[in-house]
Amino acid sequence: MDIVLPQLGESITEGVIGKWLIVEGEEIDKYHPLVEVITDKVNVEMPAPVSGRITKIVANEGETVLVGSVIALIETSDQVDNEIRGISQADTIGGFVADMPPVGPTGAANVPQNNLQEEGGLENSETKFSPAVKKLIQKYNIDVTELSGTGKSGRITRKDLETFLNSDRYVPKDSVVPENVRQTMDPIRKIIAQNMVQSATDIPDAWLSIEADVTNLVILRESIKEEFLETNGYPITFLAFAIWATAKGIKEYPVLNSSIENDEIIKHSVLNMGVAVASSSGLVVPVIKDVYDKSIKSIAAEIHRLVSAANSGDLLHSDVISGTFTINNTGSLGSNLSKPIIVPGQAAILTTEKINKMPVAVPVDSSRTDLQLPINKQDAIEIRSIMNLSLSFDHRIMDGSDAAGFTNCVKESLESFTQDTVLE
């Protein structure tokens, strides 16, 4: 009986065989875990459709197979003859990458110890050397058979040695160049690579970046974060505010929440925002659904749930599909400026960068006494919290005016938070 790769999602056409969990000849029960399958949407642990004995594994680990392709053969106890299709997809994304053997650096090169007894050494040479020449040969471990002497009767002189040591011909015997490490991509890295190549090949992207003064936001979060965590059991992060502000910007510029199909631009009525997460299993992009209808507090709760699930390998299939826009908090990694790559099928991607304290020219407020170093009658220098917003966008779908208008709208929202901001 054939076991085939089932349909794991409505838009999934192929998968990568990650790791077989059984061996040929093994007797298994129905629903016993068979194989880990990796796709660009979800990673699943595929169960056995029937009880029986595995007679042959057809698809190798790391191989890409189409939906409906035979991946293994099973001899069933009840002699079921129909092809096995439509296996229920597994509920969770497993942490299978953690089970893969680590690929480490190559071991130290096995370099034989050169000594004077080796071929070309002093002891095997019939040539007599002066004490100074002999000392240099021993010091630099020189193979004298590589030299032609210019002295009497072809004798090697000190000058011959110095010329040789300063030439490209001389390679120290103990200077061994370490071998390069050649590492096969794991299945997740292969899928990421394919998506990145597709984006770079198919999408004529453009990029812009602006600065946002988030000083008031920093003050707000600092004043509420401890009480918020204690009350709700999850943190209030800068990303929650950024996602809320981004949703507000997309409401003003809905072309950002669209995709292109042939000669048509499809503007999505629902905003499902992907959040890039560097989990222990690799880069994943869980999706916060219906962001238009969410408050800052509910966005913070969803971020906490999705990031926790990503790190523990418990993301559901529904958590990683249907994204229409992506945001990436590269600032958490220390980035000040980045050029993100657009997720295929989306119109743009926004990154929020590191918040830095910067000297900024601000208008003079005559009622304030804490501002210093006046530049003119209107400006003074103040230390402010500044964050860059970087946007990559599909230039087929929108022009720079839409992209800049959207990014400035996000900037204005981030700069407008006060102590009176309502989180719910």
Protein backbone atom coordinates (compact mmCIF):
# COMPACT_ATOMS: atom_id res chain seq x y z
CA MET A 1 0.00 0.00 0.00
CA ASP A 2 1.26 3.47 -0.88
CA ILE A 3 1.65 6.21 1.70
CA VAL A 4 1.54 9.57 -0.07
CA LEU A 5 2.30 13.12 1.00
CA PRO A 6 -1.09 14.62 1.92
CA GLN A 7 -2.41 18.12 1.31
CA LEU A 8 -1.12 20.07 4.33
CA GLY A 9 -2.72 23.40 3.46
CA GLU A 10 -4.77 24.95 0.70
CA SER A 11 -1.79 26.67 -0.95
CA ILE A 12 0.87 24.04 -0.21
CA THR A 13 2.02 22.02 -3.23
CA GLU A 14 5.18 20.37 -1.93
CA GLY A 15 7.10 19.53 1.22
CA VAL A 16 10.58 18.57 2.36
CA ILE A 17 11.14 15.27 4.14
CA GLY A 18 12.72 16.39 7.41
CA LYS A 19 13.29 13.23 9.42
CA TRP A 20 11.92 9.70 9.29
CA LEU A 21 10.66 8.52 12.66
CA ILE A 22 10.47 4.84 11.66
CA VAL A 23 12.72 2.35 9.84
CA GLU A 24 12.04 -0.19 7.12
CA GLY A 25 10.65 -3.43 8.53
CA GLU A 26 9.20 -1.76 11.62
CA GLU A 27 5.71 -2.79 12.78
CA ILE A 28 3.66 0.28 13.65
CA ASP A 29 0.16 1.10 14.85
CA LYS A 30 -2.27 3.52 13.26
CA TYR A 31 -1.44 7.16 14.13
CA HIS A 32 2.15 6.26 15.05
CA PRO A 33 4.41 9.21 14.05
CA LEU A 34 5.91 8.45 10.63
CA VAL A 35 7.87 11.42 9.37
CA GLU A 36 8.47 15.11 9.92
CA VAL A 37 7.49 17.16 6.86
CA ILE A 38 8.60 20.77 6.33
CA THR A 39 6.79 23.30 4.14
CA ASP A 40 7.03 27.05 3.68
CA LYS A 41 3.87 27.43 5.76
CA VAL A 42 3.99 24.77 8.46
CA ASN A 43 6.12 21.92 9.77
CA VAL A 44 4.14 18.82 10.69
CA GLU A 45 4.63 15.38 12.17
CA MET A 46 2.74 13.05 9.84
CA PRO A 47 1.03 10.04 11.49
CA ALA A 48 0.56 6.54 10.06
CA PRO A 49 -2.85 6.17 8.38
CA VAL A 50 -3.13 2.45 9.19
CA SER A 51 -1.42 -0.26 11.20
CA GLY A 52 1.11 -2.45 9.44
CA ARG A 53 4.75 -3.06 8.57
CA ILE A 54 6.86 -0.48 6.74
CA THR A 55 8.25 -2.31 3.71
CA LYS A 56 10.09 0.55 2.03
CA ILE A 57 10.96 4.21 2.57
CA VAL A 58 10.73 5.85 -0.86
CA ALA A 59 11.52 9.53 -0.15
CA ASN A 60 14.86 10.36 1.41
CA GLU A 61 15.43 12.88 4.19
CA GLY A 62 16.03 16.34 2.73
CA GLU A 63 14.19 15.47 -0.50
CA THR A 64 11.47 17.80 -1.84
CA VAL A 65 8.33 15.89 -2.87
CA LEU A 66 5.05 17.01 -4.44
CA VAL A 67 1.71 16.59 -2.69
CA GLY A 68 0.31 13.19 -3.67
CA SER A 69 3.73 11.62 -4.26
CA VAL A 70 4.50 8.24 -2.71
CA ILE A 71 6.88 8.59 0.23
CA ALA A 72 6.73 5.08 1.73
CA LEU A 73 5.16 1.63 1.35
CA ILE A 74 3.31 -0.22 4.11
CA GLU A 75 2.02 -3.78 4.31
CA THR A 76 -1.23 -3.65 6.24
CA SER A 77 -2.71 -6.30 8.45
CA ASP A 78 -6.19 -5.75 7.02
CA GLN A 79 -4.98 -5.65 3.38
CA VAL A 80 -6.39 -2.20 2.62
CA ASP A 81 -5.85 -1.60 -1.11
CA ASN A 82 -6.77 2.05 -1.50
CA GLU A 83 -4.17 4.75 -1.72
CA ILE A 84 -3.86 6.69 1.51
CA ARG A 85 -4.75 10.29 0.93
CA GLY A 86 -6.08 13.17 2.98
CA ILE A 87 -4.28 12.37 6.19
CA SER A 88 -5.23 14.90 8.88
CA GLN A 89 -2.54 17.47 9.29
CA ALA A 90 -0.70 17.42 12.59
CA ASP A 91 -1.66 20.05 15.13
CA THR A 92 1.66 21.56 15.96
CA ILE A 93 4.97 22.56 14.50
CA GLY A 94 7.52 20.26 16.11
CA GLY A 95 10.96 21.19 17.23
CA PHE A 96 12.51 18.67 14.86
CA VAL A 97 15.51 20.81 14.00
CA ALA A 98 16.74 20.37 17.55
CA ASP A 99 17.01 16.62 16.90
CA MET A 100 19.32 17.04 13.94
CA PRO A 101 22.98 16.30 14.67
CA PRO A 102 25.00 19.47 14.97
CA VAL A 103 27.46 20.26 12.25
CA GLY A 104 30.71 21.34 13.84
CA PRO A 105 34.00 22.58 12.50
CA THR A 106 36.42 20.12 11.02
CA GLY A 107 38.98 18.64 13.33
CA ALA A 108 42.53 19.84 13.53
CA ALA A 109 44.55 18.93 10.49
CA ASN A 110 46.69 15.86 10.92
CA VAL A 111 50.04 17.47 10.34
CA PRO A 112 53.11 15.25 10.70
CA GLN A 113 55.83 16.69 12.82
CA ASN A 114 58.73 17.66 10.61
CA ASN A 115 62.14 16.81 11.94
CA LEU A 116 65.62 16.54 10.65
CA GLN A 117 65.22 12.83 9.89
CA GLU A 118 62.59 13.46 7.17
CA GLU A 119 63.43 13.36 3.50
CA GLY A 120 65.19 16.56 2.59
CA GLY A 121 66.40 17.07 6.17
CA LEU A 122 69.95 17.75 7.20
CA GLU A 123 70.71 14.20 8.28
CA ASN A 124 69.87 12.82 4.82
CA SER A 125 71.88 15.43 2.97
CA GLU A 126 75.45 14.78 1.89
CA THR A 127 76.03 18.51 1.57
CA LYS A 128 78.05 20.18 4.29
CA PHE A 129 76.71 23.47 5.70
CA SER A 130 78.35 26.22 7.63
CA PRO A 131 77.15 26.53 11.26
CA ALA A 132 75.20 29.75 10.43
CA VAL A 133 73.44 28.13 7.45
CA LYS A 134 72.70 24.98 9.42
CA LYS A 135 71.16 27.06 12.21
CA LEU A 136 68.84 28.86 9.76
CA ILE A 137 67.79 25.58 8.13
CA GLN A 138 66.88 24.14 11.52
CA LYS A 139 65.17 27.33 12.73
CA TYR A 140 62.88 27.65 9.72
CA ASN A 141 62.54 23.90 9.04
CA ILE A 142 63.65 24.29 5.43
CA ASP A 143 63.68 21.40 2.97
CA VAL A 144 67.14 21.83 1.44
CA THR A 145 66.18 19.80 -1.65
CA GLU A 146 64.12 22.83 -2.76
CA LEU A 147 67.23 25.03 -2.93
CA SER A 148 69.95 25.54 -5.49
CA GLY A 149 73.12 26.90 -3.95
CA THR A 150 75.13 29.71 -5.48
CA GLY A 151 78.26 29.01 -3.48
CA LYS A 152 81.33 27.02 -4.47
CA SER A 153 80.36 23.65 -5.98
CA GLY A 154 76.68 24.53 -5.55
CA ARG A 155 77.01 25.01 -1.82
CA ILE A 156 74.02 26.72 -0.13
CA THR A 157 74.97 30.04 1.38
CA ARG A 158 73.32 32.25 3.96
CA LYS A 159 72.30 34.62 1.16
CA ASP A 160 70.58 31.72 -0.66
CA LEU A 161 68.54 31.00 2.46
CA GLU A 162 67.57 34.63 2.99
CA THR A 163 66.48 34.94 -0.65
CA PHE A 164 64.41 31.76 -0.33
CA LEU A 165 62.79 32.86 2.94
CA ASN A 166 61.72 36.16 1.35
CA SER A 167 60.24 34.50 -1.74
CA ASP A 168 56.77 33.12 -2.45
CA ARG A 169 58.28 29.64 -2.66
CA TYR A 170 58.76 29.47 1.09
CA VAL A 171 55.82 28.04 3.04
CA PRO A 172 56.47 27.35 6.73
CA LYS A 173 56.09 23.64 7.37
CA ASP A 174 53.90 24.22 10.41
CA SER A 175 51.64 26.75 8.65
CA VAL A 176 48.68 24.61 7.65
CA VAL A 177 45.62 26.42 6.31
CA PRO A 178 42.51 25.01 8.05
CA GLU A 179 40.02 23.34 5.76
CA ASN A 180 36.81 25.17 4.90
CA VAL A 181 33.71 23.87 6.65
CA ARG A 182 31.11 22.62 4.18
CA GLN A 183 27.67 22.38 5.76
CA THR A 184 24.51 21.03 4.15
CA MET A 185 21.51 23.31 4.60
CA ASP A 186 18.88 21.94 6.95
CA PRO A 187 15.32 21.82 5.51
CA ILE A 188 14.17 25.05 7.19
CA ARG A 189 17.18 26.96 5.85
CA LYS A 190 16.45 25.58 2.34
CA ILE A 191 12.88 26.89 2.46
CA ILE A 192 14.00 30.28 3.75
CA ALA A 193 16.58 30.43 0.95
CA GLN A 194 13.98 29.55 -1.69
CA ASN A 195 11.59 32.25 -0.44
CA MET A 196 14.33 34.88 -0.33
CA VAL A 197 15.47 34.06 -3.87
CA GLN A 198 11.85 34.18 -5.07
CA SER A 199 11.39 37.59 -3.47
CA ALA A 200 14.62 39.00 -4.88
CA THR A 201 13.84 37.58 -8.34
CA ASP A 202 10.14 38.39 -8.66
CA ILE A 203 9.66 41.62 -6.68
CA PRO A 204 11.10 44.97 -7.91
CA ASP A 205 11.43 46.43 -4.44
CA ALA A 206 12.31 49.93 -3.27
CA TRP A 207 13.32 51.08 0.20
CA LEU A 208 13.06 54.09 2.47
CA SER A 209 13.78 54.92 6.10
CA ILE A 210 12.71 57.72 8.45
CA GLU A 211 13.38 58.65 12.07
CA ALA A 212 10.71 58.64 14.76
CA ASP A 213 11.08 60.44 18.08
CA VAL A 214 9.69 57.88 20.54
CA THR A 215 10.73 59.68 23.73
CA ASN A 216 7.17 59.94 25.03
CA LEU A 217 6.54 56.28 24.20
CA VAL A 218 9.65 55.24 26.15
CA ILE A 219 8.47 57.28 29.14
CA LEU A 220 4.97 55.78 28.90
CA ARG A 221 6.14 52.17 28.71
CA GLU A 222 8.66 52.65 31.52
CA SER A 223 5.92 53.98 33.78
CA ILE A 224 3.47 51.10 33.18
CA LYS A 225 5.53 48.00 32.35
CA GLU A 226 5.89 46.55 35.86
CA GLU A 227 2.24 47.00 36.83
CA PHE A 228 1.12 45.75 33.40
CA LEU A 229 3.17 42.55 33.74
CA GLU A 230 1.98 41.92 37.28
CA THR A 231 -1.66 42.48 36.35
CA ASN A 232 -1.78 40.63 33.02
CA GLY A 233 0.96 38.02 33.25
CA TYR A 234 2.66 39.09 30.02
CA PRO A 235 4.85 42.09 29.10
CA ILE A 236 3.92 45.23 27.22
CA THR A 237 6.58 45.61 24.53
CA PHE A 238 7.49 48.41 22.13
CA LEU A 239 6.46 46.05 19.33
CA ALA A 240 2.84 46.09 20.51
CA PHE A 241 2.73 49.88 20.13
CA ALA A 242 4.48 49.64 16.75
CA ILE A 243 1.98 47.09 15.42
CA TRP A 244 -0.94 49.25 16.56
CA ALA A 245 0.63 52.31 14.90
CA THR A 246 1.30 50.31 11.72
CA ALA A 247 -2.32 49.20 11.53
CA LYS A 248 -3.38 52.84 11.86
CA GLY A 249 -1.04 53.75 8.98
CA ILE A 250 -2.39 50.96 6.77
CA LYS A 251 -5.94 52.20 7.38
CA GLU A 252 -4.82 55.51 5.86
CA TYR A 253 -2.86 53.79 3.05
CA PRO A 254 -4.63 50.45 2.37
CA VAL A 255 -2.46 49.73 -0.67
CA LEU A 256 0.18 48.56 1.83
CA ASN A 257 -2.14 45.65 2.71
CA SER A 258 -2.38 44.19 -0.78
CA SER A 259 -0.89 41.66 -3.16
CA ILE A 260 -0.44 41.36 -6.91
CA GLU A 261 -1.86 38.66 -9.14
CA ASN A 262 -1.13 38.88 -12.86
CA ASP A 263 -2.41 42.35 -13.85
CA GLU A 264 -4.56 42.84 -10.76
CA ILE A 265 -3.80 44.40 -7.37
CA ILE A 266 -5.80 42.73 -4.60
CA LYS A 267 -6.47 45.00 -1.62
CA HIS A 268 -7.20 42.87 1.43
CA SER A 269 -10.10 43.87 3.67
CA VAL A 270 -8.58 42.16 6.72
CA LEU A 271 -5.14 42.99 8.13
CA ASN A 272 -3.24 39.88 9.26
CA MET A 273 0.20 40.98 10.39
CA GLY A 274 3.13 38.56 10.36
CA VAL A 275 5.71 39.03 13.11
CA ALA A 276 9.19 37.71 12.32
CA VAL A 277 10.53 35.63 15.23
CA ALA A 278 14.06 34.23 15.50
CA SER A 279 13.11 31.03 17.35
CA SER A 280 15.35 28.19 18.46
CA SER A 281 14.24 26.25 15.36
CA GLY A 282 14.99 29.07 12.93
CA LEU A 283 13.13 32.04 11.51
CA VAL A 284 9.34 31.75 11.72
CA VAL A 285 6.63 34.32 11.00
CA PRO A 286 3.51 33.75 13.12
CA VAL A 287 0.53 35.91 12.19
CA ILE A 288 -1.62 38.20 14.36
CA LYS A 289 -5.09 38.07 12.82
CA ASP A 290 -7.56 40.96 12.42
CA VAL A 291 -5.19 43.63 13.71
CA TYR A 292 -7.59 46.43 12.74
CA ASP A 293 -9.92 45.31 15.54
CA LYS A 294 -7.28 44.85 18.25
CA SER A 295 -6.24 47.16 21.07
CA ILE A 296 -2.64 47.66 22.18
CA LYS A 297 -3.26 45.36 25.14
CA SER A 298 -4.72 42.55 23.03
CA ILE A 299 -1.86 42.90 20.54
CA ALA A 300 0.63 42.53 23.41
CA ALA A 301 -1.17 39.38 24.57
CA GLU A 302 -1.07 37.88 21.08
CA ILE A 303 2.62 38.70 20.65
CA HIS A 304 3.37 36.93 23.92
CA ARG A 305 1.35 33.86 22.93
CA LEU A 306 2.86 33.53 19.46
CA VAL A 307 6.48 34.16 20.48
CA SER A 308 6.17 31.67 23.36
CA ALA A 309 4.67 29.06 21.03
CA ALA A 310 7.39 29.67 18.43
CA ASN A 311 10.17 29.18 20.97
CA SER A 312 8.61 26.00 22.37
CA GLY A 313 7.69 24.54 18.96
CA ASP A 314 3.95 24.68 19.69
CA LEU A 315 2.73 26.99 16.91
CA LEU A 316 -0.50 25.83 15.32
CA HIS A 317 -0.93 25.62 11.57
CA SER A 318 -3.47 28.45 11.79
CA ASP A 319 -0.85 30.63 13.52
CA VAL A 320 1.43 30.81 10.48
CA ILE A 321 -0.90 31.27 7.51
CA SER A 322 -2.84 34.08 5.82
CA GLY A 323 -0.40 36.93 6.54
CA THR A 324 -0.99 40.07 4.48
CA PHE A 325 1.74 42.37 5.87
CA THR A 326 4.91 41.72 7.91
CA ILE A 327 6.72 43.66 10.64
CA ASN A 328 10.17 42.75 11.94
CA ASN A 329 11.61 44.18 15.16
CA THR A 330 15.26 44.10 14.08
CA GLY A 331 15.98 46.68 16.76
CA SER A 332 15.81 43.90 19.36
CA LEU A 333 18.93 42.48 17.67
CA GLY A 334 20.76 45.81 17.89
CA SER A 335 20.14 46.90 14.29
CA ASN A 336 20.06 50.64 13.60
CA LEU A 337 19.20 50.41 9.90
CA SER A 338 18.17 47.45 7.76
CA LYS A 339 16.70 46.67 4.34
CA PRO A 340 14.13 43.91 4.88
CA ILE A 341 13.18 41.41 2.17
CA ILE A 342 9.49 41.36 1.25
CA VAL A 343 7.60 38.15 1.96
CA PRO A 344 6.40 36.72 -1.39
CA GLY A 345 2.71 37.44 -1.86
CA GLN A 346 2.77 40.67 0.16
CA ALA A 347 3.26 44.31 -0.80
CA ALA A 348 5.67 45.53 1.88
CA ILE A 349 7.56 44.82 5.09
CA LEU A 350 8.40 47.26 7.90
CA THR A 351 11.26 47.04 10.39
CA THR A 352 11.47 48.86 13.71
CA GLU A 353 15.08 49.53 14.63
CA LYS A 354 17.00 50.04 17.87
CA ILE A 355 15.97 52.99 20.06
CA ASN A 356 19.01 55.26 20.58
CA LYS A 357 19.47 58.38 22.67
CA MET A 358 20.42 61.18 20.27
CA PRO A 359 21.04 64.94 20.51
CA VAL A 360 18.17 66.63 18.70
CA ALA A 361 17.37 70.26 17.90
CA VAL A 362 14.00 71.03 19.50
CA PRO A 363 11.91 74.21 19.61
CA VAL A 364 12.58 76.34 22.65
CA ASP A 365 9.81 76.37 25.23
CA SER A 366 10.15 79.58 27.18
CA SER A 367 8.52 77.97 30.19
CA ARG A 368 11.23 75.28 30.44
CA THR A 369 14.54 75.77 32.22
CA ASP A 370 16.13 72.35 31.61
CA LEU A 371 17.10 72.94 27.95
CA GLN A 372 20.71 73.87 27.29
CA LEU A 373 22.99 75.09 24.51
CA PRO A 374 20.66 77.40 22.58
CA ILE A 375 21.45 77.46 18.85
CA ASN A 376 19.25 80.43 18.00
CA LYS A 377 16.13 82.02 19.34
CA GLN A 378 13.97 79.09 18.24
CA ASP A 379 16.03 75.92 18.88
CA ALA A 380 17.89 74.13 21.66
CA ILE A 381 19.64 70.77 22.04
CA GLU A 382 17.84 67.99 23.90
CA ILE A 383 18.60 64.26 24.27
CA ARG A 384 15.73 62.30 22.73
CA SER A 385 14.94 58.61 22.10
CA ILE A 386 15.12 58.08 18.33
CA MET A 387 14.11 54.98 16.35
CA ASN A 388 14.43 54.35 12.61
CA LEU A 389 11.54 52.88 10.63
CA SER A 390 12.65 51.04 7.47
CA LEU A 391 10.21 50.02 4.75
CA SER A 392 10.74 47.79 1.71
CA PHE A 393 7.84 47.90 -0.75
CA ASP A 394 6.83 46.37 -4.08
CA HIS A 395 7.16 49.17 -6.63
CA ARG A 396 4.71 47.43 -8.96
CA ILE A 397 1.95 47.92 -6.40
CA MET A 398 2.68 51.39 -5.06
CA ASP A 399 4.75 54.50 -5.68
CA GLY A 400 7.12 56.21 -3.30
CA SER A 401 4.47 58.74 -2.29
CA ASP A 402 2.25 56.01 -0.82
CA ALA A 403 5.20 54.35 0.89
CA ALA A 404 6.45 57.62 2.38
CA GLY A 405 2.96 58.70 3.39
CA PHE A 406 2.36 55.42 5.20
CA THR A 407 5.72 55.47 6.99
CA ASN A 408 5.20 59.06 8.12
CA CYS A 409 1.75 58.11 9.40
CA VAL A 410 3.32 55.34 11.51
CA LYS A 411 5.92 57.85 12.74
CA GLU A 412 3.25 60.34 13.78
CA SER A 413 1.33 57.68 15.69
CA LEU A 414 4.46 56.54 17.54
CA GLU A 415 5.26 60.13 18.45
CA SER A 416 1.74 60.86 19.71
CA PHE A 417 1.64 58.48 22.69
CA THR A 418 1.19 60.15 26.09
CA GLN A 419 0.54 59.13 29.68
CA ASP A 420 -3.17 59.33 28.84
CA THR A 421 -2.96 56.72 26.05
CA VAL A 422 -5.65 54.04 26.41
CA LEU A 423 -4.29 50.50 26.04
CA GLU A 424 -7.61 48.66 25.87
